[in-house]
Amino acid sequence: MELALYIALLIISFVLIALIVIQSRAAGVANRDTSSMVRTKRGVEKTLFQTTIALTVTFLLLALVGSLPIF
């Protein structure tokens, strides 16, 4: 059980790193042609953002469970 928890944390951490890198590259490309106006996230950008939040919460919960003294 403990091994599965650590493997899940490892996989989620790599996926989170990839999602954050993809978001930063997409933001750099999108900001080239816009001025200082605020725009809403749509489509793939919104999905990436929401997936990042969900995986971050999942990672936090798994890390907290892994730090409990029952393991």
PDB file of N, CA and C in Angstrom:
ATOM      1  N   MET A   1       0.821  -1.195   0.000  1.00  0.00           N
ATOM      2  CA  MET A   1       0.000   0.000   0.000  1.00  0.00           C
ATOM      3  C   MET A   1       0.865   1.260   0.000  1.00  0.00           C
ATOM      4  N   GLU A   2       1.896   1.230   0.831  1.00  0.00           N
ATOM      5  CA  GLU A   2       2.779   2.389   0.916  1.00  0.00           C
ATOM      6  C   GLU A   2       3.536   2.596  -0.399  1.00  0.00           C
ATOM      7  N   LEU A   3       3.950   1.531  -1.013  1.00  0.00           N
ATOM      8  CA  LEU A   3       4.662   1.620  -2.283  1.00  0.00           C
ATOM      9  C   LEU A   3       3.768   2.212  -3.373  1.00  0.00           C
ATOM     10  N   ALA A   4       2.512   1.787  -3.406  1.00  0.00           N
ATOM     11  CA  ALA A   4       1.563   2.329  -4.384  1.00  0.00           C
ATOM     12  C   ALA A   4       1.343   3.821  -4.180  1.00  0.00           C
ATOM     13  N   LEU A   5       1.309   4.249  -2.935  1.00  0.00           N
ATOM     14  CA  LEU A   5       1.143   5.669  -2.629  1.00  0.00           C
ATOM     15  C   LEU A   5       2.330   6.478  -3.148  1.00  0.00           C
ATOM     16  N   TYR A   6       3.524   5.978  -2.921  1.00  0.00           N
ATOM     17  CA  TYR A   6       4.716   6.689  -3.382  1.00  0.00           C
ATOM     18  C   TYR A   6       4.826   6.701  -4.909  1.00  0.00           C
ATOM     19  N   ILE A   7       4.427   5.623  -5.540  1.00  0.00           N
ATOM     20  CA  ILE A   7       4.437   5.587  -7.007  1.00  0.00           C
ATOM     21  C   ILE A   7       3.424   6.581  -7.567  1.00  0.00           C
ATOM     22  N   ALA A   8       2.246   6.648  -6.944  1.00  0.00           N
ATOM     23  CA  ALA A   8       1.228   7.615  -7.383  1.00  0.00           C
ATOM     24  C   ALA A   8       1.727   9.042  -7.210  1.00  0.00           C
ATOM     25  N   LEU A   9       2.395   9.328  -6.099  1.00  0.00           N
ATOM     26  CA  LEU A   9       2.955  10.666  -5.882  1.00  0.00           C
ATOM     27  C   LEU A   9       4.012  10.998  -6.936  1.00  0.00           C
ATOM     28  N   LEU A  10       4.826  10.030  -7.279  1.00  0.00           N
ATOM     29  CA  LEU A  10       5.867  10.239  -8.282  1.00  0.00           C
ATOM     30  C   LEU A  10       5.265  10.526  -9.654  1.00  0.00           C
ATOM     31  N   ILE A  11       4.272   9.740 -10.039  1.00  0.00           N
ATOM     32  CA  ILE A  11       3.626   9.940 -11.342  1.00  0.00           C
ATOM     33  C   ILE A  11       2.917  11.286 -11.400  1.00  0.00           C
ATOM     34  N   ILE A  12       2.175  11.619 -10.343  1.00  0.00           N
ATOM     35  CA  ILE A  12       1.457  12.902 -10.318  1.00  0.00           C
ATOM     36  C   ILE A  12       2.430  14.064 -10.360  1.00  0.00           C
ATOM     37  N   SER A  13       3.566  13.947  -9.687  1.00  0.00           N
ATOM     38  CA  SER A  13       4.529  15.050  -9.700  1.00  0.00           C
ATOM     39  C   SER A  13       5.098  15.277 -11.105  1.00  0.00           C
ATOM     40  N   PHE A  14       5.393  14.202 -11.839  1.00  0.00           N
ATOM     41  CA  PHE A  14       5.901  14.366 -13.199  1.00  0.00           C
ATOM     42  C   PHE A  14       4.842  14.957 -14.132  1.00  0.00           C
ATOM     43  N   VAL A  15       3.596  14.527 -13.966  1.00  0.00           N
ATOM     44  CA  VAL A  15       2.516  15.074 -14.793  1.00  0.00           C
ATOM     45  C   VAL A  15       2.300  16.549 -14.471  1.00  0.00           C
ATOM     46  N   LEU A  16       2.371  16.916 -13.192  1.00  0.00           N
ATOM     47  CA  LEU A  16       2.231  18.325 -12.803  1.00  0.00           C
ATOM     48  C   LEU A  16       3.340  19.186 -13.407  1.00  0.00           C
ATOM     49  N   ILE A  17       4.556  18.690 -13.380  1.00  0.00           N
ATOM     50  CA  ILE A  17       5.667  19.431 -13.973  1.00  0.00           C
ATOM     51  C   ILE A  17       5.418  19.648 -15.461  1.00  0.00           C
ATOM     52  N   ALA A  18       4.980  18.611 -16.154  1.00  0.00           N
ATOM     53  CA  ALA A  18       4.703  18.730 -17.587  1.00  0.00           C
ATOM     54  C   ALA A  18       3.583  19.723 -17.857  1.00  0.00           C
ATOM     55  N   LEU A  19       2.508  19.669 -17.080  1.00  0.00           N
ATOM     56  CA  LEU A  19       1.398  20.598 -17.283  1.00  0.00           C
ATOM     57  C   LEU A  19       1.814  22.043 -17.050  1.00  0.00           C
ATOM     58  N   ILE A  20       2.619  22.283 -16.039  1.00  0.00           N
ATOM     59  CA  ILE A  20       3.058  23.651 -15.745  1.00  0.00           C
ATOM     60  C   ILE A  20       3.971  24.172 -16.847  1.00  0.00           C
ATOM     61  N   VAL A  21       4.843  23.325 -17.358  1.00  0.00           N
ATOM     62  CA  VAL A  21       5.720  23.745 -18.455  1.00  0.00           C
ATOM     63  C   VAL A  21       4.898  24.054 -19.704  1.00  0.00           C
ATOM     64  N   ILE A  22       3.915  23.225 -20.007  1.00  0.00           N
ATOM     65  CA  ILE A  22       3.053  23.458 -21.175  1.00  0.00           C
ATOM     66  C   ILE A  22       2.301  24.769 -21.019  1.00  0.00           C
ATOM     67  N   GLN A  23       1.795  25.043 -19.818  1.00  0.00           N
ATOM     68  CA  GLN A  23       1.063  26.288 -19.584  1.00  0.00           C
ATOM     69  C   GLN A  23       1.958  27.503 -19.728  1.00  0.00           C
ATOM     70  N   SER A  24       3.188  27.432 -19.245  1.00  0.00           N
ATOM     71  CA  SER A  24       4.070  28.588 -19.335  1.00  0.00           C
ATOM     72  C   SER A  24       4.465  28.871 -20.786  1.00  0.00           C
ATOM     73  N   ARG A  25       4.655  27.833 -21.575  1.00  0.00           N
ATOM     74  CA  ARG A  25       4.973  28.040 -22.994  1.00  0.00           C
ATOM     75  C   ARG A  25       3.781  28.603 -23.750  1.00  0.00           C
ATOM     76  N   ALA A  26       2.588  28.124 -23.435  1.00  0.00           N
ATOM     77  CA  ALA A  26       1.382  28.614 -24.100  1.00  0.00           C
ATOM     78  C   ALA A  26       1.115  30.071 -23.725  1.00  0.00           C
ATOM     79  N   ALA A  27       1.392  30.453 -22.495  1.00  0.00           N
ATOM     80  CA  ALA A  27       1.179  31.829 -22.066  1.00  0.00           C
ATOM     81  C   ALA A  27       2.163  32.766 -22.758  1.00  0.00           C
ATOM     82  N   GLY A  28       3.383  32.300 -22.973  1.00  0.00           N
ATOM     83  CA  GLY A  28       4.364  33.131 -23.659  1.00  0.00           C
ATOM     84  C   GLY A  28       3.992  33.384 -25.104  1.00  0.00           C
ATOM     85  N   VAL A  29       3.462  32.394 -25.768  1.00  0.00           N
ATOM     86  CA  VAL A  29       3.047  32.552 -27.161  1.00  0.00           C
ATOM     87  C   VAL A  29       1.815  33.444 -27.249  1.00  0.00           C
ATOM     88  N   ALA A  30       0.881  33.287 -26.326  1.00  0.00           N
ATOM     89  CA  ALA A  30      -0.361  34.052 -26.371  1.00  0.00           C
ATOM     90  C   ALA A  30      -0.135  35.523 -26.033  1.00  0.00           C
ATOM     91  N   ASN A  31       0.851  35.821 -25.213  1.00  0.00           N
ATOM     92  CA  ASN A  31       1.065  37.203 -24.782  1.00  0.00           C
ATOM     93  C   ASN A  31       1.836  38.029 -25.799  1.00  0.00           C
ATOM     94  N   ARG A  32       2.344  37.450 -26.835  1.00  0.00           N
ATOM     95  CA  ARG A  32       3.101  38.209 -27.824  1.00  0.00           C
ATOM     96  C   ARG A  32       2.235  39.187 -28.601  1.00  0.00           C
ATOM     97  N   ASP A  33       1.044  38.757 -28.970  1.00  0.00           N
ATOM     98  CA  ASP A  33       0.234  39.581 -29.854  1.00  0.00           C
ATOM     99  C   ASP A  33      -0.871  40.348 -29.136  1.00  0.00           C
ATOM    100  N   THR A  34      -0.947  40.250 -27.822  1.00  0.00           N
ATOM    101  CA  THR A  34      -1.975  40.987 -27.091  1.00  0.00           C
ATOM    102  C   THR A  34      -1.351  42.129 -26.327  1.00  0.00           C
ATOM    103  N   SER A  35      -2.149  43.148 -26.094  1.00  0.00           N
ATOM    104  CA  SER A  35      -1.672  44.254 -25.277  1.00  0.00           C
ATOM    105  C   SER A  35      -1.934  43.930 -23.813  1.00  0.00           C
ATOM    106  N   SER A  36      -2.290  44.886 -23.027  1.00  0.00           N
ATOM    107  CA  SER A  36      -2.468  44.655 -21.592  1.00  0.00           C
ATOM    108  C   SER A  36      -3.902  44.298 -21.233  1.00  0.00           C
ATOM    109  N   MET A  37      -4.646  43.758 -22.159  1.00  0.00           N
ATOM    110  CA  MET A  37      -6.025  43.399 -21.855  1.00  0.00           C
ATOM    111  C   MET A  37      -6.107  42.018 -21.208  1.00  0.00           C
ATOM    112  N   VAL A  38      -7.096  41.862 -20.346  1.00  0.00           N
ATOM    113  CA  VAL A  38      -7.298  40.605 -19.645  1.00  0.00           C
ATOM    114  C   VAL A  38      -8.211  39.721 -20.480  1.00  0.00           C
ATOM    115  N   ARG A  39      -7.850  38.462 -20.600  1.00  0.00           N
ATOM    116  CA  ARG A  39      -8.683  37.555 -21.377  1.00  0.00           C
ATOM    117  C   ARG A  39      -8.985  36.323 -20.554  1.00  0.00           C
ATOM    118  N   THR A  40     -10.085  35.679 -20.865  1.00  0.00           N
ATOM    119  CA  THR A  40     -10.478  34.482 -20.124  1.00  0.00           C
ATOM    120  C   THR A  40      -9.872  33.245 -20.769  1.00  0.00           C
ATOM    121  N   LYS A  41      -9.679  32.237 -19.944  1.00  0.00           N
ATOM    122  CA  LYS A  41      -9.158  30.971 -20.451  1.00  0.00           C
ATOM    123  C   LYS A  41     -10.291  30.217 -21.146  1.00  0.00           C
ATOM    124  N   ARG A  42     -10.000  29.679 -22.311  1.00  0.00           N
ATOM    125  CA  ARG A  42     -11.005  28.929 -23.069  1.00  0.00           C
ATOM    126  C   ARG A  42     -10.379  27.696 -23.683  1.00  0.00           C
ATOM    127  N   GLY A  43     -11.185  26.717 -23.916  1.00  0.00           N
ATOM    128  CA  GLY A  43     -10.750  25.521 -24.630  1.00  0.00           C
ATOM    129  C   GLY A  43      -9.689  24.731 -23.903  1.00  0.00           C
ATOM    130  N   VAL A  44      -8.620  24.423 -24.621  1.00  0.00           N
ATOM    131  CA  VAL A  44      -7.544  23.591 -24.092  1.00  0.00           C
ATOM    132  C   VAL A  44      -6.859  24.278 -22.922  1.00  0.00           C
ATOM    133  N   GLU A  45      -6.694  25.590 -22.999  1.00  0.00           N
ATOM    134  CA  GLU A  45      -6.037  26.330 -21.927  1.00  0.00           C
ATOM    135  C   GLU A  45      -6.813  26.191 -20.611  1.00  0.00           C
ATOM    136  N   LYS A  46      -8.120  26.267 -20.684  1.00  0.00           N
ATOM    137  CA  LYS A  46      -8.959  26.123 -19.496  1.00  0.00           C
ATOM    138  C   LYS A  46      -8.888  24.701 -18.952  1.00  0.00           C
ATOM    139  N   THR A  47      -8.889  23.722 -19.845  1.00  0.00           N
ATOM    140  CA  THR A  47      -8.801  22.326 -19.430  1.00  0.00           C
ATOM    141  C   THR A  47      -7.466  22.043 -18.747  1.00  0.00           C
ATOM    142  N   LEU A  48      -6.370  22.555 -19.298  1.00  0.00           N
ATOM    143  CA  LEU A  48      -5.059  22.389 -18.676  1.00  0.00           C
ATOM    144  C   LEU A  48      -5.025  23.028 -17.292  1.00  0.00           C
ATOM    145  N   PHE A  49      -5.613  24.206 -17.167  1.00  0.00           N
ATOM    146  CA  PHE A  49      -5.640  24.926 -15.898  1.00  0.00           C
ATOM    147  C   PHE A  49      -6.418  24.132 -14.849  1.00  0.00           C
ATOM    148  N   GLN A  50      -7.584  23.638 -15.220  1.00  0.00           N
ATOM    149  CA  GLN A  50      -8.405  22.880 -14.276  1.00  0.00           C
ATOM    150  C   GLN A  50      -7.767  21.542 -13.921  1.00  0.00           C
ATOM    151  N   THR A  51      -7.129  20.902 -14.878  1.00  0.00           N
ATOM    152  CA  THR A  51      -6.433  19.641 -14.616  1.00  0.00           C
ATOM    153  C   THR A  51      -5.267  19.861 -13.661  1.00  0.00           C
ATOM    154  N   THR A  52      -4.561  20.971 -13.828  1.00  0.00           N
ATOM    155  CA  THR A  52      -3.451  21.298 -12.935  1.00  0.00           C
ATOM    156  C   THR A  52      -3.950  21.483 -11.510  1.00  0.00           C
ATOM    157  N   ILE A  53      -5.058  22.176 -11.343  1.00  0.00           N
ATOM    158  CA  ILE A  53      -5.613  22.383 -10.006  1.00  0.00           C
ATOM    159  C   ILE A  53      -6.033  21.048  -9.392  1.00  0.00           C
ATOM    160  N   ALA A  54      -6.716  20.217 -10.164  1.00  0.00           N
ATOM    161  CA  ALA A  54      -7.173  18.916  -9.650  1.00  0.00           C
ATOM    162  C   ALA A  54      -5.996  18.030  -9.249  1.00  0.00           C
ATOM    163  N   LEU A  55      -4.962  17.987 -10.074  1.00  0.00           N
ATOM    164  CA  LEU A  55      -3.800  17.166  -9.743  1.00  0.00           C
ATOM    165  C   LEU A  55      -3.030  17.724  -8.554  1.00  0.00           C
ATOM    166  N   THR A  56      -3.003  19.033  -8.407  1.00  0.00           N
ATOM    167  CA  THR A  56      -2.336  19.638  -7.264  1.00  0.00           C
ATOM    168  C   THR A  56      -3.052  19.271  -5.965  1.00  0.00           C
ATOM    169  N   VAL A  57      -4.367  19.329  -5.971  1.00  0.00           N
ATOM    170  CA  VAL A  57      -5.141  18.950  -4.784  1.00  0.00           C
ATOM    171  C   VAL A  57      -4.947  17.467  -4.488  1.00  0.00           C
ATOM    172  N   THR A  58      -4.961  16.637  -5.515  1.00  0.00           N
ATOM    173  CA  THR A  58      -4.737  15.202  -5.338  1.00  0.00           C
ATOM    174  C   THR A  58      -3.353  14.926  -4.772  1.00  0.00           C
ATOM    175  N   PHE A  59      -2.351  15.621  -5.293  1.00  0.00           N
ATOM    176  CA  PHE A  59      -0.980  15.459  -4.797  1.00  0.00           C
ATOM    177  C   PHE A  59      -0.886  15.861  -3.331  1.00  0.00           C
ATOM    178  N   LEU A  60      -1.519  16.970  -2.972  1.00  0.00           N
ATOM    179  CA  LEU A  60      -1.497  17.438  -1.586  1.00  0.00           C
ATOM    180  C   LEU A  60      -2.152  16.419  -0.656  1.00  0.00           C
ATOM    181  N   LEU A  61      -3.309  15.911  -1.059  1.00  0.00           N
ATOM    182  CA  LEU A  61      -4.008  14.928  -0.217  1.00  0.00           C
ATOM    183  C   LEU A  61      -3.200  13.638  -0.065  1.00  0.00           C
ATOM    184  N   LEU A  62      -2.612  13.161  -1.157  1.00  0.00           N
ATOM    185  CA  LEU A  62      -1.790  11.945  -1.072  1.00  0.00           C
ATOM    186  C   LEU A  62      -0.555  12.159  -0.204  1.00  0.00           C
ATOM    187  N   ALA A  63       0.039  13.347  -0.296  1.00  0.00           N
ATOM    188  CA  ALA A  63       1.204  13.648   0.535  1.00  0.00           C
ATOM    189  C   ALA A  63       0.825  13.693   2.010  1.00  0.00           C
ATOM    190  N   LEU A  64      -0.349  14.258   2.298  1.00  0.00           N
ATOM    191  CA  LEU A  64      -0.807  14.293   3.691  1.00  0.00           C
ATOM    192  C   LEU A  64      -1.104  12.887   4.208  1.00  0.00           C
ATOM    193  N   VAL A  65      -1.736  12.067   3.383  1.00  0.00           N
ATOM    194  CA  VAL A  65      -2.013  10.688   3.791  1.00  0.00           C
ATOM    195  C   VAL A  65      -0.699   9.931   3.995  1.00  0.00           C
ATOM    196  N   GLY A  66       0.267  10.172   3.133  1.00  0.00           N
ATOM    197  CA  GLY A  66       1.561   9.492   3.258  1.00  0.00           C
ATOM    198  C   GLY A  66       2.334   9.906   4.493  1.00  0.00           C
ATOM    199  N   SER A  67       2.046  11.079   5.027  1.00  0.00           N
ATOM    200  CA  SER A  67       2.764  11.546   6.211  1.00  0.00           C
ATOM    201  C   SER A  67       2.094  11.104   7.509  1.00  0.00           C
ATOM    202  N   LEU A  68       0.943  10.467   7.425  1.00  0.00           N
ATOM    203  CA  LEU A  68       0.274   9.982   8.627  1.00  0.00           C
ATOM    204  C   LEU A  68       1.107   8.864   9.281  1.00  0.00           C
ATOM    205  N   PRO A  69       1.028   8.748  10.577  1.00  0.00           N
ATOM    206  CA  PRO A  69       1.853   7.730  11.264  1.00  0.00           C
ATOM    207  C   PRO A  69       1.400   6.291  11.050  1.00  0.00           C
ATOM    208  N   ILE A  70       0.314   6.076  10.307  1.00  0.00           N
ATOM    209  CA  ILE A  70      -0.134   4.692  10.084  1.00  0.00           C
ATOM    210  C   ILE A  70       0.737   3.956   9.072  1.00  0.00           C
ATOM    211  N   PHE A  71       1.533   4.688   8.317  1.00  0.00           N
ATOM    212  CA  PHE A  71       2.405   4.039   7.309  1.00  0.00           C
ATOM    213  C   PHE A  71       3.782   3.829   7.856  1.00  0.00           C
TER     214      PHE A  71
END
